[in-house]
Amino acid sequence: MDSVLRLCDIAPGEKCTVSGLTATGAMRRRLLDIGLVEHTPVYCIGKSPGGDPSAYLICGAVIAIRAADAATVLVER
């Protein structure tokens, strides 16, 4: 079984699957609303030149997520 990582640990070009969220409140609701639910595949498309935010392909849409928020998304490779 693969180890659990955070979404912010995924490098551009890598694919992962959501295994859970640690976010609470409004941020948890937002992440769920954009499709970050358990078993959803996510592709890291790229990172901005400064490294934050990163772009992810989620359910057919490219979404930019800050590293602090991506750290609350648990994923598996």
PDB file of N, CA and C in Angstrom:
ATOM      1  N   MET A   1       0.837  -1.179   0.000  1.00  0.00           N
ATOM      2  CA  MET A   1       0.000   0.000   0.000  1.00  0.00           C
ATOM      3  C   MET A   1       0.884   1.246   0.000  1.00  0.00           C
ATOM      4  N   ASP A   2       0.481   2.248  -0.769  1.00  0.00           N
ATOM      5  CA  ASP A   2       1.253   3.480  -0.857  1.00  0.00           C
ATOM      6  C   ASP A   2       1.087   4.302   0.408  1.00  0.00           C
ATOM      7  N   SER A   3       2.110   5.086   0.699  1.00  0.00           N
ATOM      8  CA  SER A   3       2.037   5.950   1.874  1.00  0.00           C
ATOM      9  C   SER A   3       1.135   7.149   1.595  1.00  0.00           C
ATOM     10  N   VAL A   4       0.560   7.676   2.648  1.00  0.00           N
ATOM     11  CA  VAL A   4      -0.317   8.832   2.515  1.00  0.00           C
ATOM     12  C   VAL A   4       0.548  10.087   2.500  1.00  0.00           C
ATOM     13  N   LEU A   5       0.305  10.930   1.517  1.00  0.00           N
ATOM     14  CA  LEU A   5       1.019  12.191   1.353  1.00  0.00           C
ATOM     15  C   LEU A   5       0.020  13.329   1.379  1.00  0.00           C
ATOM     16  N   ARG A   6       0.529  14.557   1.297  1.00  0.00           N
ATOM     17  CA  ARG A   6      -0.329  15.724   1.157  1.00  0.00           C
ATOM     18  C   ARG A   6      -0.306  16.147  -0.309  1.00  0.00           C
ATOM     19  N   LEU A   7      -1.353  16.779  -0.759  1.00  0.00           N
ATOM     20  CA  LEU A   7      -1.434  17.211  -2.155  1.00  0.00           C
ATOM     21  C   LEU A   7      -0.277  18.141  -2.514  1.00  0.00           C
ATOM     22  N   CYS A   8       0.177  18.954  -1.590  1.00  0.00           N
ATOM     23  CA  CYS A   8       1.278  19.879  -1.867  1.00  0.00           C
ATOM     24  C   CYS A   8       2.610  19.153  -2.103  1.00  0.00           C
ATOM     25  N   ASP A   9       2.693  17.860  -1.756  1.00  0.00           N
ATOM     26  CA  ASP A   9       3.912  17.072  -1.960  1.00  0.00           C
ATOM     27  C   ASP A   9       4.004  16.488  -3.368  1.00  0.00           C
ATOM     28  N   ILE A  10       2.947  16.582  -4.154  1.00  0.00           N
ATOM     29  CA  ILE A  10       2.917  15.997  -5.493  1.00  0.00           C
ATOM     30  C   ILE A  10       3.602  16.936  -6.481  1.00  0.00           C
ATOM     31  N   ALA A  11       4.529  16.407  -7.252  1.00  0.00           N
ATOM     32  CA  ALA A  11       5.292  17.202  -8.222  1.00  0.00           C
ATOM     33  C   ALA A  11       4.524  17.336  -9.537  1.00  0.00           C
ATOM     34  N   PRO A  12       4.832  18.362 -10.317  1.00  0.00           N
ATOM     35  CA  PRO A  12       4.191  18.508 -11.629  1.00  0.00           C
ATOM     36  C   PRO A  12       4.386  17.249 -12.475  1.00  0.00           C
ATOM     37  N   GLY A  13       3.306  16.817 -13.116  1.00  0.00           N
ATOM     38  CA  GLY A  13       3.331  15.615 -13.941  1.00  0.00           C
ATOM     39  C   GLY A  13       2.921  14.354 -13.206  1.00  0.00           C
ATOM     40  N   GLU A  14       2.775  14.427 -11.901  1.00  0.00           N
ATOM     41  CA  GLU A  14       2.390  13.251 -11.123  1.00  0.00           C
ATOM     42  C   GLU A  14       0.881  13.174 -10.937  1.00  0.00           C
ATOM     43  N   LYS A  15       0.397  11.948 -10.758  1.00  0.00           N
ATOM     44  CA  LYS A  15      -1.018  11.690 -10.508  1.00  0.00           C
ATOM     45  C   LYS A  15      -1.155  11.118  -9.106  1.00  0.00           C
ATOM     46  N   CYS A  16      -2.239  11.452  -8.448  1.00  0.00           N
ATOM     47  CA  CYS A  16      -2.518  10.900  -7.125  1.00  0.00           C
ATOM     48  C   CYS A  16      -4.024  10.727  -6.972  1.00  0.00           C
ATOM     49  N   THR A  17      -4.423  10.130  -5.869  1.00  0.00           N
ATOM     50  CA  THR A  17      -5.833   9.915  -5.565  1.00  0.00           C
ATOM     51  C   THR A  17      -6.114  10.463  -4.174  1.00  0.00           C
ATOM     52  N   VAL A  18      -7.202  11.197  -4.025  1.00  0.00           N
ATOM     53  CA  VAL A  18      -7.562  11.784  -2.740  1.00  0.00           C
ATOM     54  C   VAL A  18      -7.951  10.672  -1.768  1.00  0.00           C
ATOM     55  N   SER A  19      -7.384  10.735  -0.547  1.00  0.00           N
ATOM     56  CA  SER A  19      -7.741   9.747   0.473  1.00  0.00           C
ATOM     57  C   SER A  19      -8.446  10.391   1.661  1.00  0.00           C
ATOM     58  N   GLY A  20      -8.447  11.727   1.746  1.00  0.00           N
ATOM     59  CA  GLY A  20      -9.150  12.396   2.829  1.00  0.00           C
ATOM     60  C   GLY A  20      -8.786  13.866   2.921  1.00  0.00           C
ATOM     61  N   LEU A  21      -9.484  14.563   3.809  1.00  0.00           N
ATOM     62  CA  LEU A  21      -9.241  15.985   4.053  1.00  0.00           C
ATOM     63  C   LEU A  21      -9.049  16.214   5.547  1.00  0.00           C
ATOM     64  N   THR A  22      -8.131  17.109   5.887  1.00  0.00           N
ATOM     65  CA  THR A  22      -7.981  17.504   7.279  1.00  0.00           C
ATOM     66  C   THR A  22      -8.502  18.920   7.509  1.00  0.00           C
ATOM     67  N   ALA A  23      -8.869  19.599   6.438  1.00  0.00           N
ATOM     68  CA  ALA A  23      -9.396  20.966   6.540  1.00  0.00           C
ATOM     69  C   ALA A  23     -10.742  20.952   7.270  1.00  0.00           C
ATOM     70  N   THR A  24     -11.065  22.085   7.874  1.00  0.00           N
ATOM     71  CA  THR A  24     -12.341  22.230   8.571  1.00  0.00           C
ATOM     72  C   THR A  24     -13.042  23.494   8.083  1.00  0.00           C
ATOM     73  N   GLY A  25     -14.290  23.610   8.430  1.00  0.00           N
ATOM     74  CA  GLY A  25     -15.050  24.817   8.157  1.00  0.00           C
ATOM     75  C   GLY A  25     -15.234  25.141   6.684  1.00  0.00           C
ATOM     76  N   ALA A  26     -15.128  26.424   6.364  1.00  0.00           N
ATOM     77  CA  ALA A  26     -15.377  26.906   5.012  1.00  0.00           C
ATOM     78  C   ALA A  26     -14.365  26.340   4.004  1.00  0.00           C
ATOM     79  N   MET A  27     -13.115  26.166   4.412  1.00  0.00           N
ATOM     80  CA  MET A  27     -12.120  25.622   3.481  1.00  0.00           C
ATOM     81  C   MET A  27     -12.447  24.175   3.143  1.00  0.00           C
ATOM     82  N   ARG A  28     -12.884  23.398   4.105  1.00  0.00           N
ATOM     83  CA  ARG A  28     -13.283  22.010   3.825  1.00  0.00           C
ATOM     84  C   ARG A  28     -14.424  21.988   2.814  1.00  0.00           C
ATOM     85  N   ARG A  29     -15.409  22.857   2.999  1.00  0.00           N
ATOM     86  CA  ARG A  29     -16.555  22.930   2.088  1.00  0.00           C
ATOM     87  C   ARG A  29     -16.091  23.302   0.679  1.00  0.00           C
ATOM     88  N   ARG A  30     -15.181  24.258   0.577  1.00  0.00           N
ATOM     89  CA  ARG A  30     -14.675  24.680  -0.734  1.00  0.00           C
ATOM     90  C   ARG A  30     -13.947  23.543  -1.433  1.00  0.00           C
ATOM     91  N   LEU A  31     -13.082  22.842  -0.702  1.00  0.00           N
ATOM     92  CA  LEU A  31     -12.342  21.731  -1.301  1.00  0.00           C
ATOM     93  C   LEU A  31     -13.285  20.622  -1.763  1.00  0.00           C
ATOM     94  N   LEU A  32     -14.299  20.333  -0.974  1.00  0.00           N
ATOM     95  CA  LEU A  32     -15.291  19.333  -1.380  1.00  0.00           C
ATOM     96  C   LEU A  32     -16.057  19.808  -2.615  1.00  0.00           C
ATOM     97  N   ASP A  33     -16.396  21.099  -2.657  1.00  0.00           N
ATOM     98  CA  ASP A  33     -17.145  21.660  -3.781  1.00  0.00           C
ATOM     99  C   ASP A  33     -16.377  21.596  -5.098  1.00  0.00           C
ATOM    100  N   ILE A  34     -15.041  21.703  -5.052  1.00  0.00           N
ATOM    101  CA  ILE A  34     -14.274  21.640  -6.297  1.00  0.00           C
ATOM    102  C   ILE A  34     -13.951  20.203  -6.708  1.00  0.00           C
ATOM    103  N   GLY A  35     -14.434  19.238  -5.916  1.00  0.00           N
ATOM    104  CA  GLY A  35     -14.302  17.838  -6.312  1.00  0.00           C
ATOM    105  C   GLY A  35     -13.267  17.031  -5.571  1.00  0.00           C
ATOM    106  N   LEU A  36     -12.680  17.567  -4.537  1.00  0.00           N
ATOM    107  CA  LEU A  36     -11.664  16.831  -3.787  1.00  0.00           C
ATOM    108  C   LEU A  36     -12.320  15.923  -2.753  1.00  0.00           C
ATOM    109  N   VAL A  37     -12.978  14.890  -3.259  1.00  0.00           N
ATOM    110  CA  VAL A  37     -13.615  13.889  -2.412  1.00  0.00           C
ATOM    111  C   VAL A  37     -12.820  12.595  -2.529  1.00  0.00           C
ATOM    112  N   GLU A  38     -13.021  11.702  -1.582  1.00  0.00           N
ATOM    113  CA  GLU A  38     -12.276  10.448  -1.535  1.00  0.00           C
ATOM    114  C   GLU A  38     -12.337   9.694  -2.862  1.00  0.00           C
ATOM    115  N   HIS A  39     -11.204   9.152  -3.282  1.00  0.00           N
ATOM    116  CA  HIS A  39     -11.023   8.346  -4.498  1.00  0.00           C
ATOM    117  C   HIS A  39     -10.985   9.172  -5.788  1.00  0.00           C
ATOM    118  N   THR A  40     -10.992  10.498  -5.714  1.00  0.00           N
ATOM    119  CA  THR A  40     -10.919  11.331  -6.911  1.00  0.00           C
ATOM    120  C   THR A  40      -9.475  11.396  -7.395  1.00  0.00           C
ATOM    121  N   PRO A  41      -9.235  11.114  -8.693  1.00  0.00           N
ATOM    122  CA  PRO A  41      -7.876  11.274  -9.220  1.00  0.00           C
ATOM    123  C   PRO A  41      -7.556  12.760  -9.413  1.00  0.00           C
ATOM    124  N   VAL A  42      -6.314  13.134  -9.111  1.00  0.00           N
ATOM    125  CA  VAL A  42      -5.854  14.519  -9.254  1.00  0.00           C
ATOM    126  C   VAL A  42      -4.495  14.491  -9.940  1.00  0.00           C
ATOM    127  N   TYR A  43      -4.308  15.366 -10.925  1.00  0.00           N
ATOM    128  CA  TYR A  43      -3.043  15.497 -11.636  1.00  0.00           C
ATOM    129  C   TYR A  43      -2.448  16.858 -11.315  1.00  0.00           C
ATOM    130  N   CYS A  44      -1.183  16.901 -10.966  1.00  0.00           N
ATOM    131  CA  CYS A  44      -0.507  18.182 -10.773  1.00  0.00           C
ATOM    132  C   CYS A  44      -0.042  18.654 -12.147  1.00  0.00           C
ATOM    133  N   ILE A  45      -0.591  19.750 -12.612  1.00  0.00           N
ATOM    134  CA  ILE A  45      -0.275  20.287 -13.938  1.00  0.00           C
ATOM    135  C   ILE A  45       1.004  21.109 -13.890  1.00  0.00           C
ATOM    136  N   GLY A  46       1.194  21.879 -12.826  1.00  0.00           N
ATOM    137  CA  GLY A  46       2.394  22.703 -12.707  1.00  0.00           C
ATOM    138  C   GLY A  46       2.348  23.575 -11.478  1.00  0.00           C
ATOM    139  N   LYS A  47       3.485  24.216 -11.225  1.00  0.00           N
ATOM    140  CA  LYS A  47       3.594  25.144 -10.099  1.00  0.00           C
ATOM    141  C   LYS A  47       3.974  26.508 -10.643  1.00  0.00           C
ATOM    142  N   SER A  48       3.555  27.550  -9.960  1.00  0.00           N
ATOM    143  CA  SER A  48       3.933  28.891 -10.380  1.00  0.00           C
ATOM    144  C   SER A  48       5.436  29.067 -10.165  1.00  0.00           C
ATOM    145  N   PRO A  49       6.048  30.058 -10.821  1.00  0.00           N
ATOM    146  CA  PRO A  49       7.496  30.248 -10.672  1.00  0.00           C
ATOM    147  C   PRO A  49       7.956  30.385  -9.223  1.00  0.00           C
ATOM    148  N   GLY A  50       7.155  30.975  -8.376  1.00  0.00           N
ATOM    149  CA  GLY A  50       7.505  31.096  -6.961  1.00  0.00           C
ATOM    150  C   GLY A  50       7.196  29.843  -6.165  1.00  0.00           C
ATOM    151  N   GLY A  51       6.536  28.867  -6.785  1.00  0.00           N
ATOM    152  CA  GLY A  51       6.202  27.609  -6.125  1.00  0.00           C
ATOM    153  C   GLY A  51       4.831  27.561  -5.478  1.00  0.00           C
ATOM    154  N   ASP A  52       4.141  28.700  -5.440  1.00  0.00           N
ATOM    155  CA  ASP A  52       2.834  28.738  -4.800  1.00  0.00           C
ATOM    156  C   ASP A  52       1.971  29.767  -5.509  1.00  0.00           C
ATOM    157  N   PRO A  53       0.812  29.454  -6.028  1.00  0.00           N
ATOM    158  CA  PRO A  53       0.084  28.191  -5.904  1.00  0.00           C
ATOM    159  C   PRO A  53       0.505  27.182  -6.979  1.00  0.00           C
ATOM    160  N   SER A  54      -0.103  26.000  -6.904  1.00  0.00           N
ATOM    161  CA  SER A  54       0.076  24.959  -7.912  1.00  0.00           C
ATOM    162  C   SER A  54      -1.243  24.748  -8.629  1.00  0.00           C
ATOM    163  N   ALA A  55      -1.143  24.272  -9.876  1.00  0.00           N
ATOM    164  CA  ALA A  55      -2.340  24.001 -10.674  1.00  0.00           C
ATOM    165  C   ALA A  55      -2.590  22.498 -10.709  1.00  0.00           C
ATOM    166  N   TYR A  56      -3.845  22.114 -10.472  1.00  0.00           N
ATOM    167  CA  TYR A  56      -4.231  20.700 -10.442  1.00  0.00           C
ATOM    168  C   TYR A  56      -5.406  20.472 -11.366  1.00  0.00           C
ATOM    169  N   LEU A  57      -5.398  19.333 -12.049  1.00  0.00           N
ATOM    170  CA  LEU A  57      -6.534  18.923 -12.871  1.00  0.00           C
ATOM    171  C   LEU A  57      -7.422  18.050 -12.000  1.00  0.00           C
ATOM    172  N   ILE A  58      -8.630  18.565 -11.712  1.00  0.00           N
ATOM    173  CA  ILE A  58      -9.576  17.893 -10.830  1.00  0.00           C
ATOM    174  C   ILE A  58     -10.911  17.811 -11.551  1.00  0.00           C
ATOM    175  N   CYS A  59     -11.386  16.626 -11.818  1.00  0.00           N
ATOM    176  CA  CYS A  59     -12.695  16.430 -12.462  1.00  0.00           C
ATOM    177  C   CYS A  59     -12.818  17.234 -13.761  1.00  0.00           C
ATOM    178  N   GLY A  60     -11.753  17.298 -14.549  1.00  0.00           N
ATOM    179  CA  GLY A  60     -11.792  17.978 -15.833  1.00  0.00           C
ATOM    180  C   GLY A  60     -11.568  19.468 -15.786  1.00  0.00           C
ATOM    181  N   ALA A  61     -11.352  20.045 -14.620  1.00  0.00           N
ATOM    182  CA  ALA A  61     -11.109  21.483 -14.486  1.00  0.00           C
ATOM    183  C   ALA A  61      -9.730  21.717 -13.877  1.00  0.00           C
ATOM    184  N   VAL A  62      -9.041  22.748 -14.352  1.00  0.00           N
ATOM    185  CA  VAL A  62      -7.749  23.113 -13.775  1.00  0.00           C
ATOM    186  C   VAL A  62      -8.003  24.129 -12.670  1.00  0.00           C
ATOM    187  N   ILE A  63      -7.547  23.796 -11.460  1.00  0.00           N
ATOM    188  CA  ILE A  63      -7.777  24.611 -10.275  1.00  0.00           C
ATOM    189  C   ILE A  63      -6.434  24.957  -9.638  1.00  0.00           C
ATOM    190  N   ALA A  64      -6.223  26.231  -9.313  1.00  0.00           N
ATOM    191  CA  ALA A  64      -5.021  26.650  -8.587  1.00  0.00           C
ATOM    192  C   ALA A  64      -5.320  26.591  -7.091  1.00  0.00           C
ATOM    193  N   ILE A  65      -4.433  25.930  -6.354  1.00  0.00           N
ATOM    194  CA  ILE A  65      -4.615  25.781  -4.911  1.00  0.00           C
ATOM    195  C   ILE A  65      -3.314  26.173  -4.213  1.00  0.00           C
ATOM    196  N   ARG A  66      -3.423  27.023  -3.199  1.00  0.00           N
ATOM    197  CA  ARG A  66      -2.253  27.427  -2.420  1.00  0.00           C
ATOM    198  C   ARG A  66      -1.701  26.236  -1.643  1.00  0.00           C
ATOM    199  N   ALA A  67      -0.400  26.268  -1.392  1.00  0.00           N
ATOM    200  CA  ALA A  67       0.266  25.167  -0.686  1.00  0.00           C
ATOM    201  C   ALA A  67      -0.335  24.932   0.701  1.00  0.00           C
ATOM    202  N   ALA A  68      -0.681  25.999   1.391  1.00  0.00           N
ATOM    203  CA  ALA A  68      -1.250  25.852   2.731  1.00  0.00           C
ATOM    204  C   ALA A  68      -2.571  25.093   2.691  1.00  0.00           C
ATOM    205  N   ASP A  69      -3.369  25.327   1.645  1.00  0.00           N
ATOM    206  CA  ASP A  69      -4.646  24.627   1.508  1.00  0.00           C
ATOM    207  C   ASP A  69      -4.428  23.206   0.974  1.00  0.00           C
ATOM    208  N   ALA A  70      -3.466  23.040   0.049  1.00  0.00           N
ATOM    209  CA  ALA A  70      -3.170  21.713  -0.490  1.00  0.00           C
ATOM    210  C   ALA A  70      -2.597  20.792   0.585  1.00  0.00           C
ATOM    211  N   ALA A  71      -2.009  21.368   1.614  1.00  0.00           N
ATOM    212  CA  ALA A  71      -1.452  20.564   2.707  1.00  0.00           C
ATOM    213  C   ALA A  71      -2.547  19.877   3.518  1.00  0.00           C
ATOM    214  N   THR A  72      -3.784  20.332   3.392  1.00  0.00           N
ATOM    215  CA  THR A  72      -4.890  19.736   4.137  1.00  0.00           C
ATOM    216  C   THR A  72      -5.579  18.615   3.358  1.00  0.00           C
ATOM    217  N   VAL A  73      -5.085  18.330   2.146  1.00  0.00           N
ATOM    218  CA  VAL A  73      -5.661  17.269   1.316  1.00  0.00           C
ATOM    219  C   VAL A  73      -4.724  16.072   1.362  1.00  0.00           C
ATOM    220  N   LEU A  74      -5.184  14.948   1.901  1.00  0.00           N
ATOM    221  CA  LEU A  74      -4.388  13.724   1.974  1.00  0.00           C
ATOM    222  C   LEU A  74      -4.577  12.941   0.696  1.00  0.00           C
ATOM    223  N   VAL A  75      -3.456  12.457   0.136  1.00  0.00           N
ATOM    224  CA  VAL A  75      -3.508  11.738  -1.145  1.00  0.00           C
ATOM    225  C   VAL A  75      -2.618  10.499  -1.092  1.00  0.00           C
ATOM    226  N   GLU A  76      -2.825   9.611  -2.053  1.00  0.00           N
ATOM    227  CA  GLU A  76      -1.970   8.434  -2.256  1.00  0.00           C
ATOM    228  C   GLU A  76      -1.528   8.446  -3.703  1.00  0.00           C
ATOM    229  N   ARG A  77      -0.307   7.998  -3.940  1.00  0.00           N
ATOM    230  CA  ARG A  77       0.195   7.922  -5.327  1.00  0.00           C
ATOM    231  C   ARG A  77      -0.437   6.764  -6.032  1.00  0.00           C
TER     232      ARG A  77
END
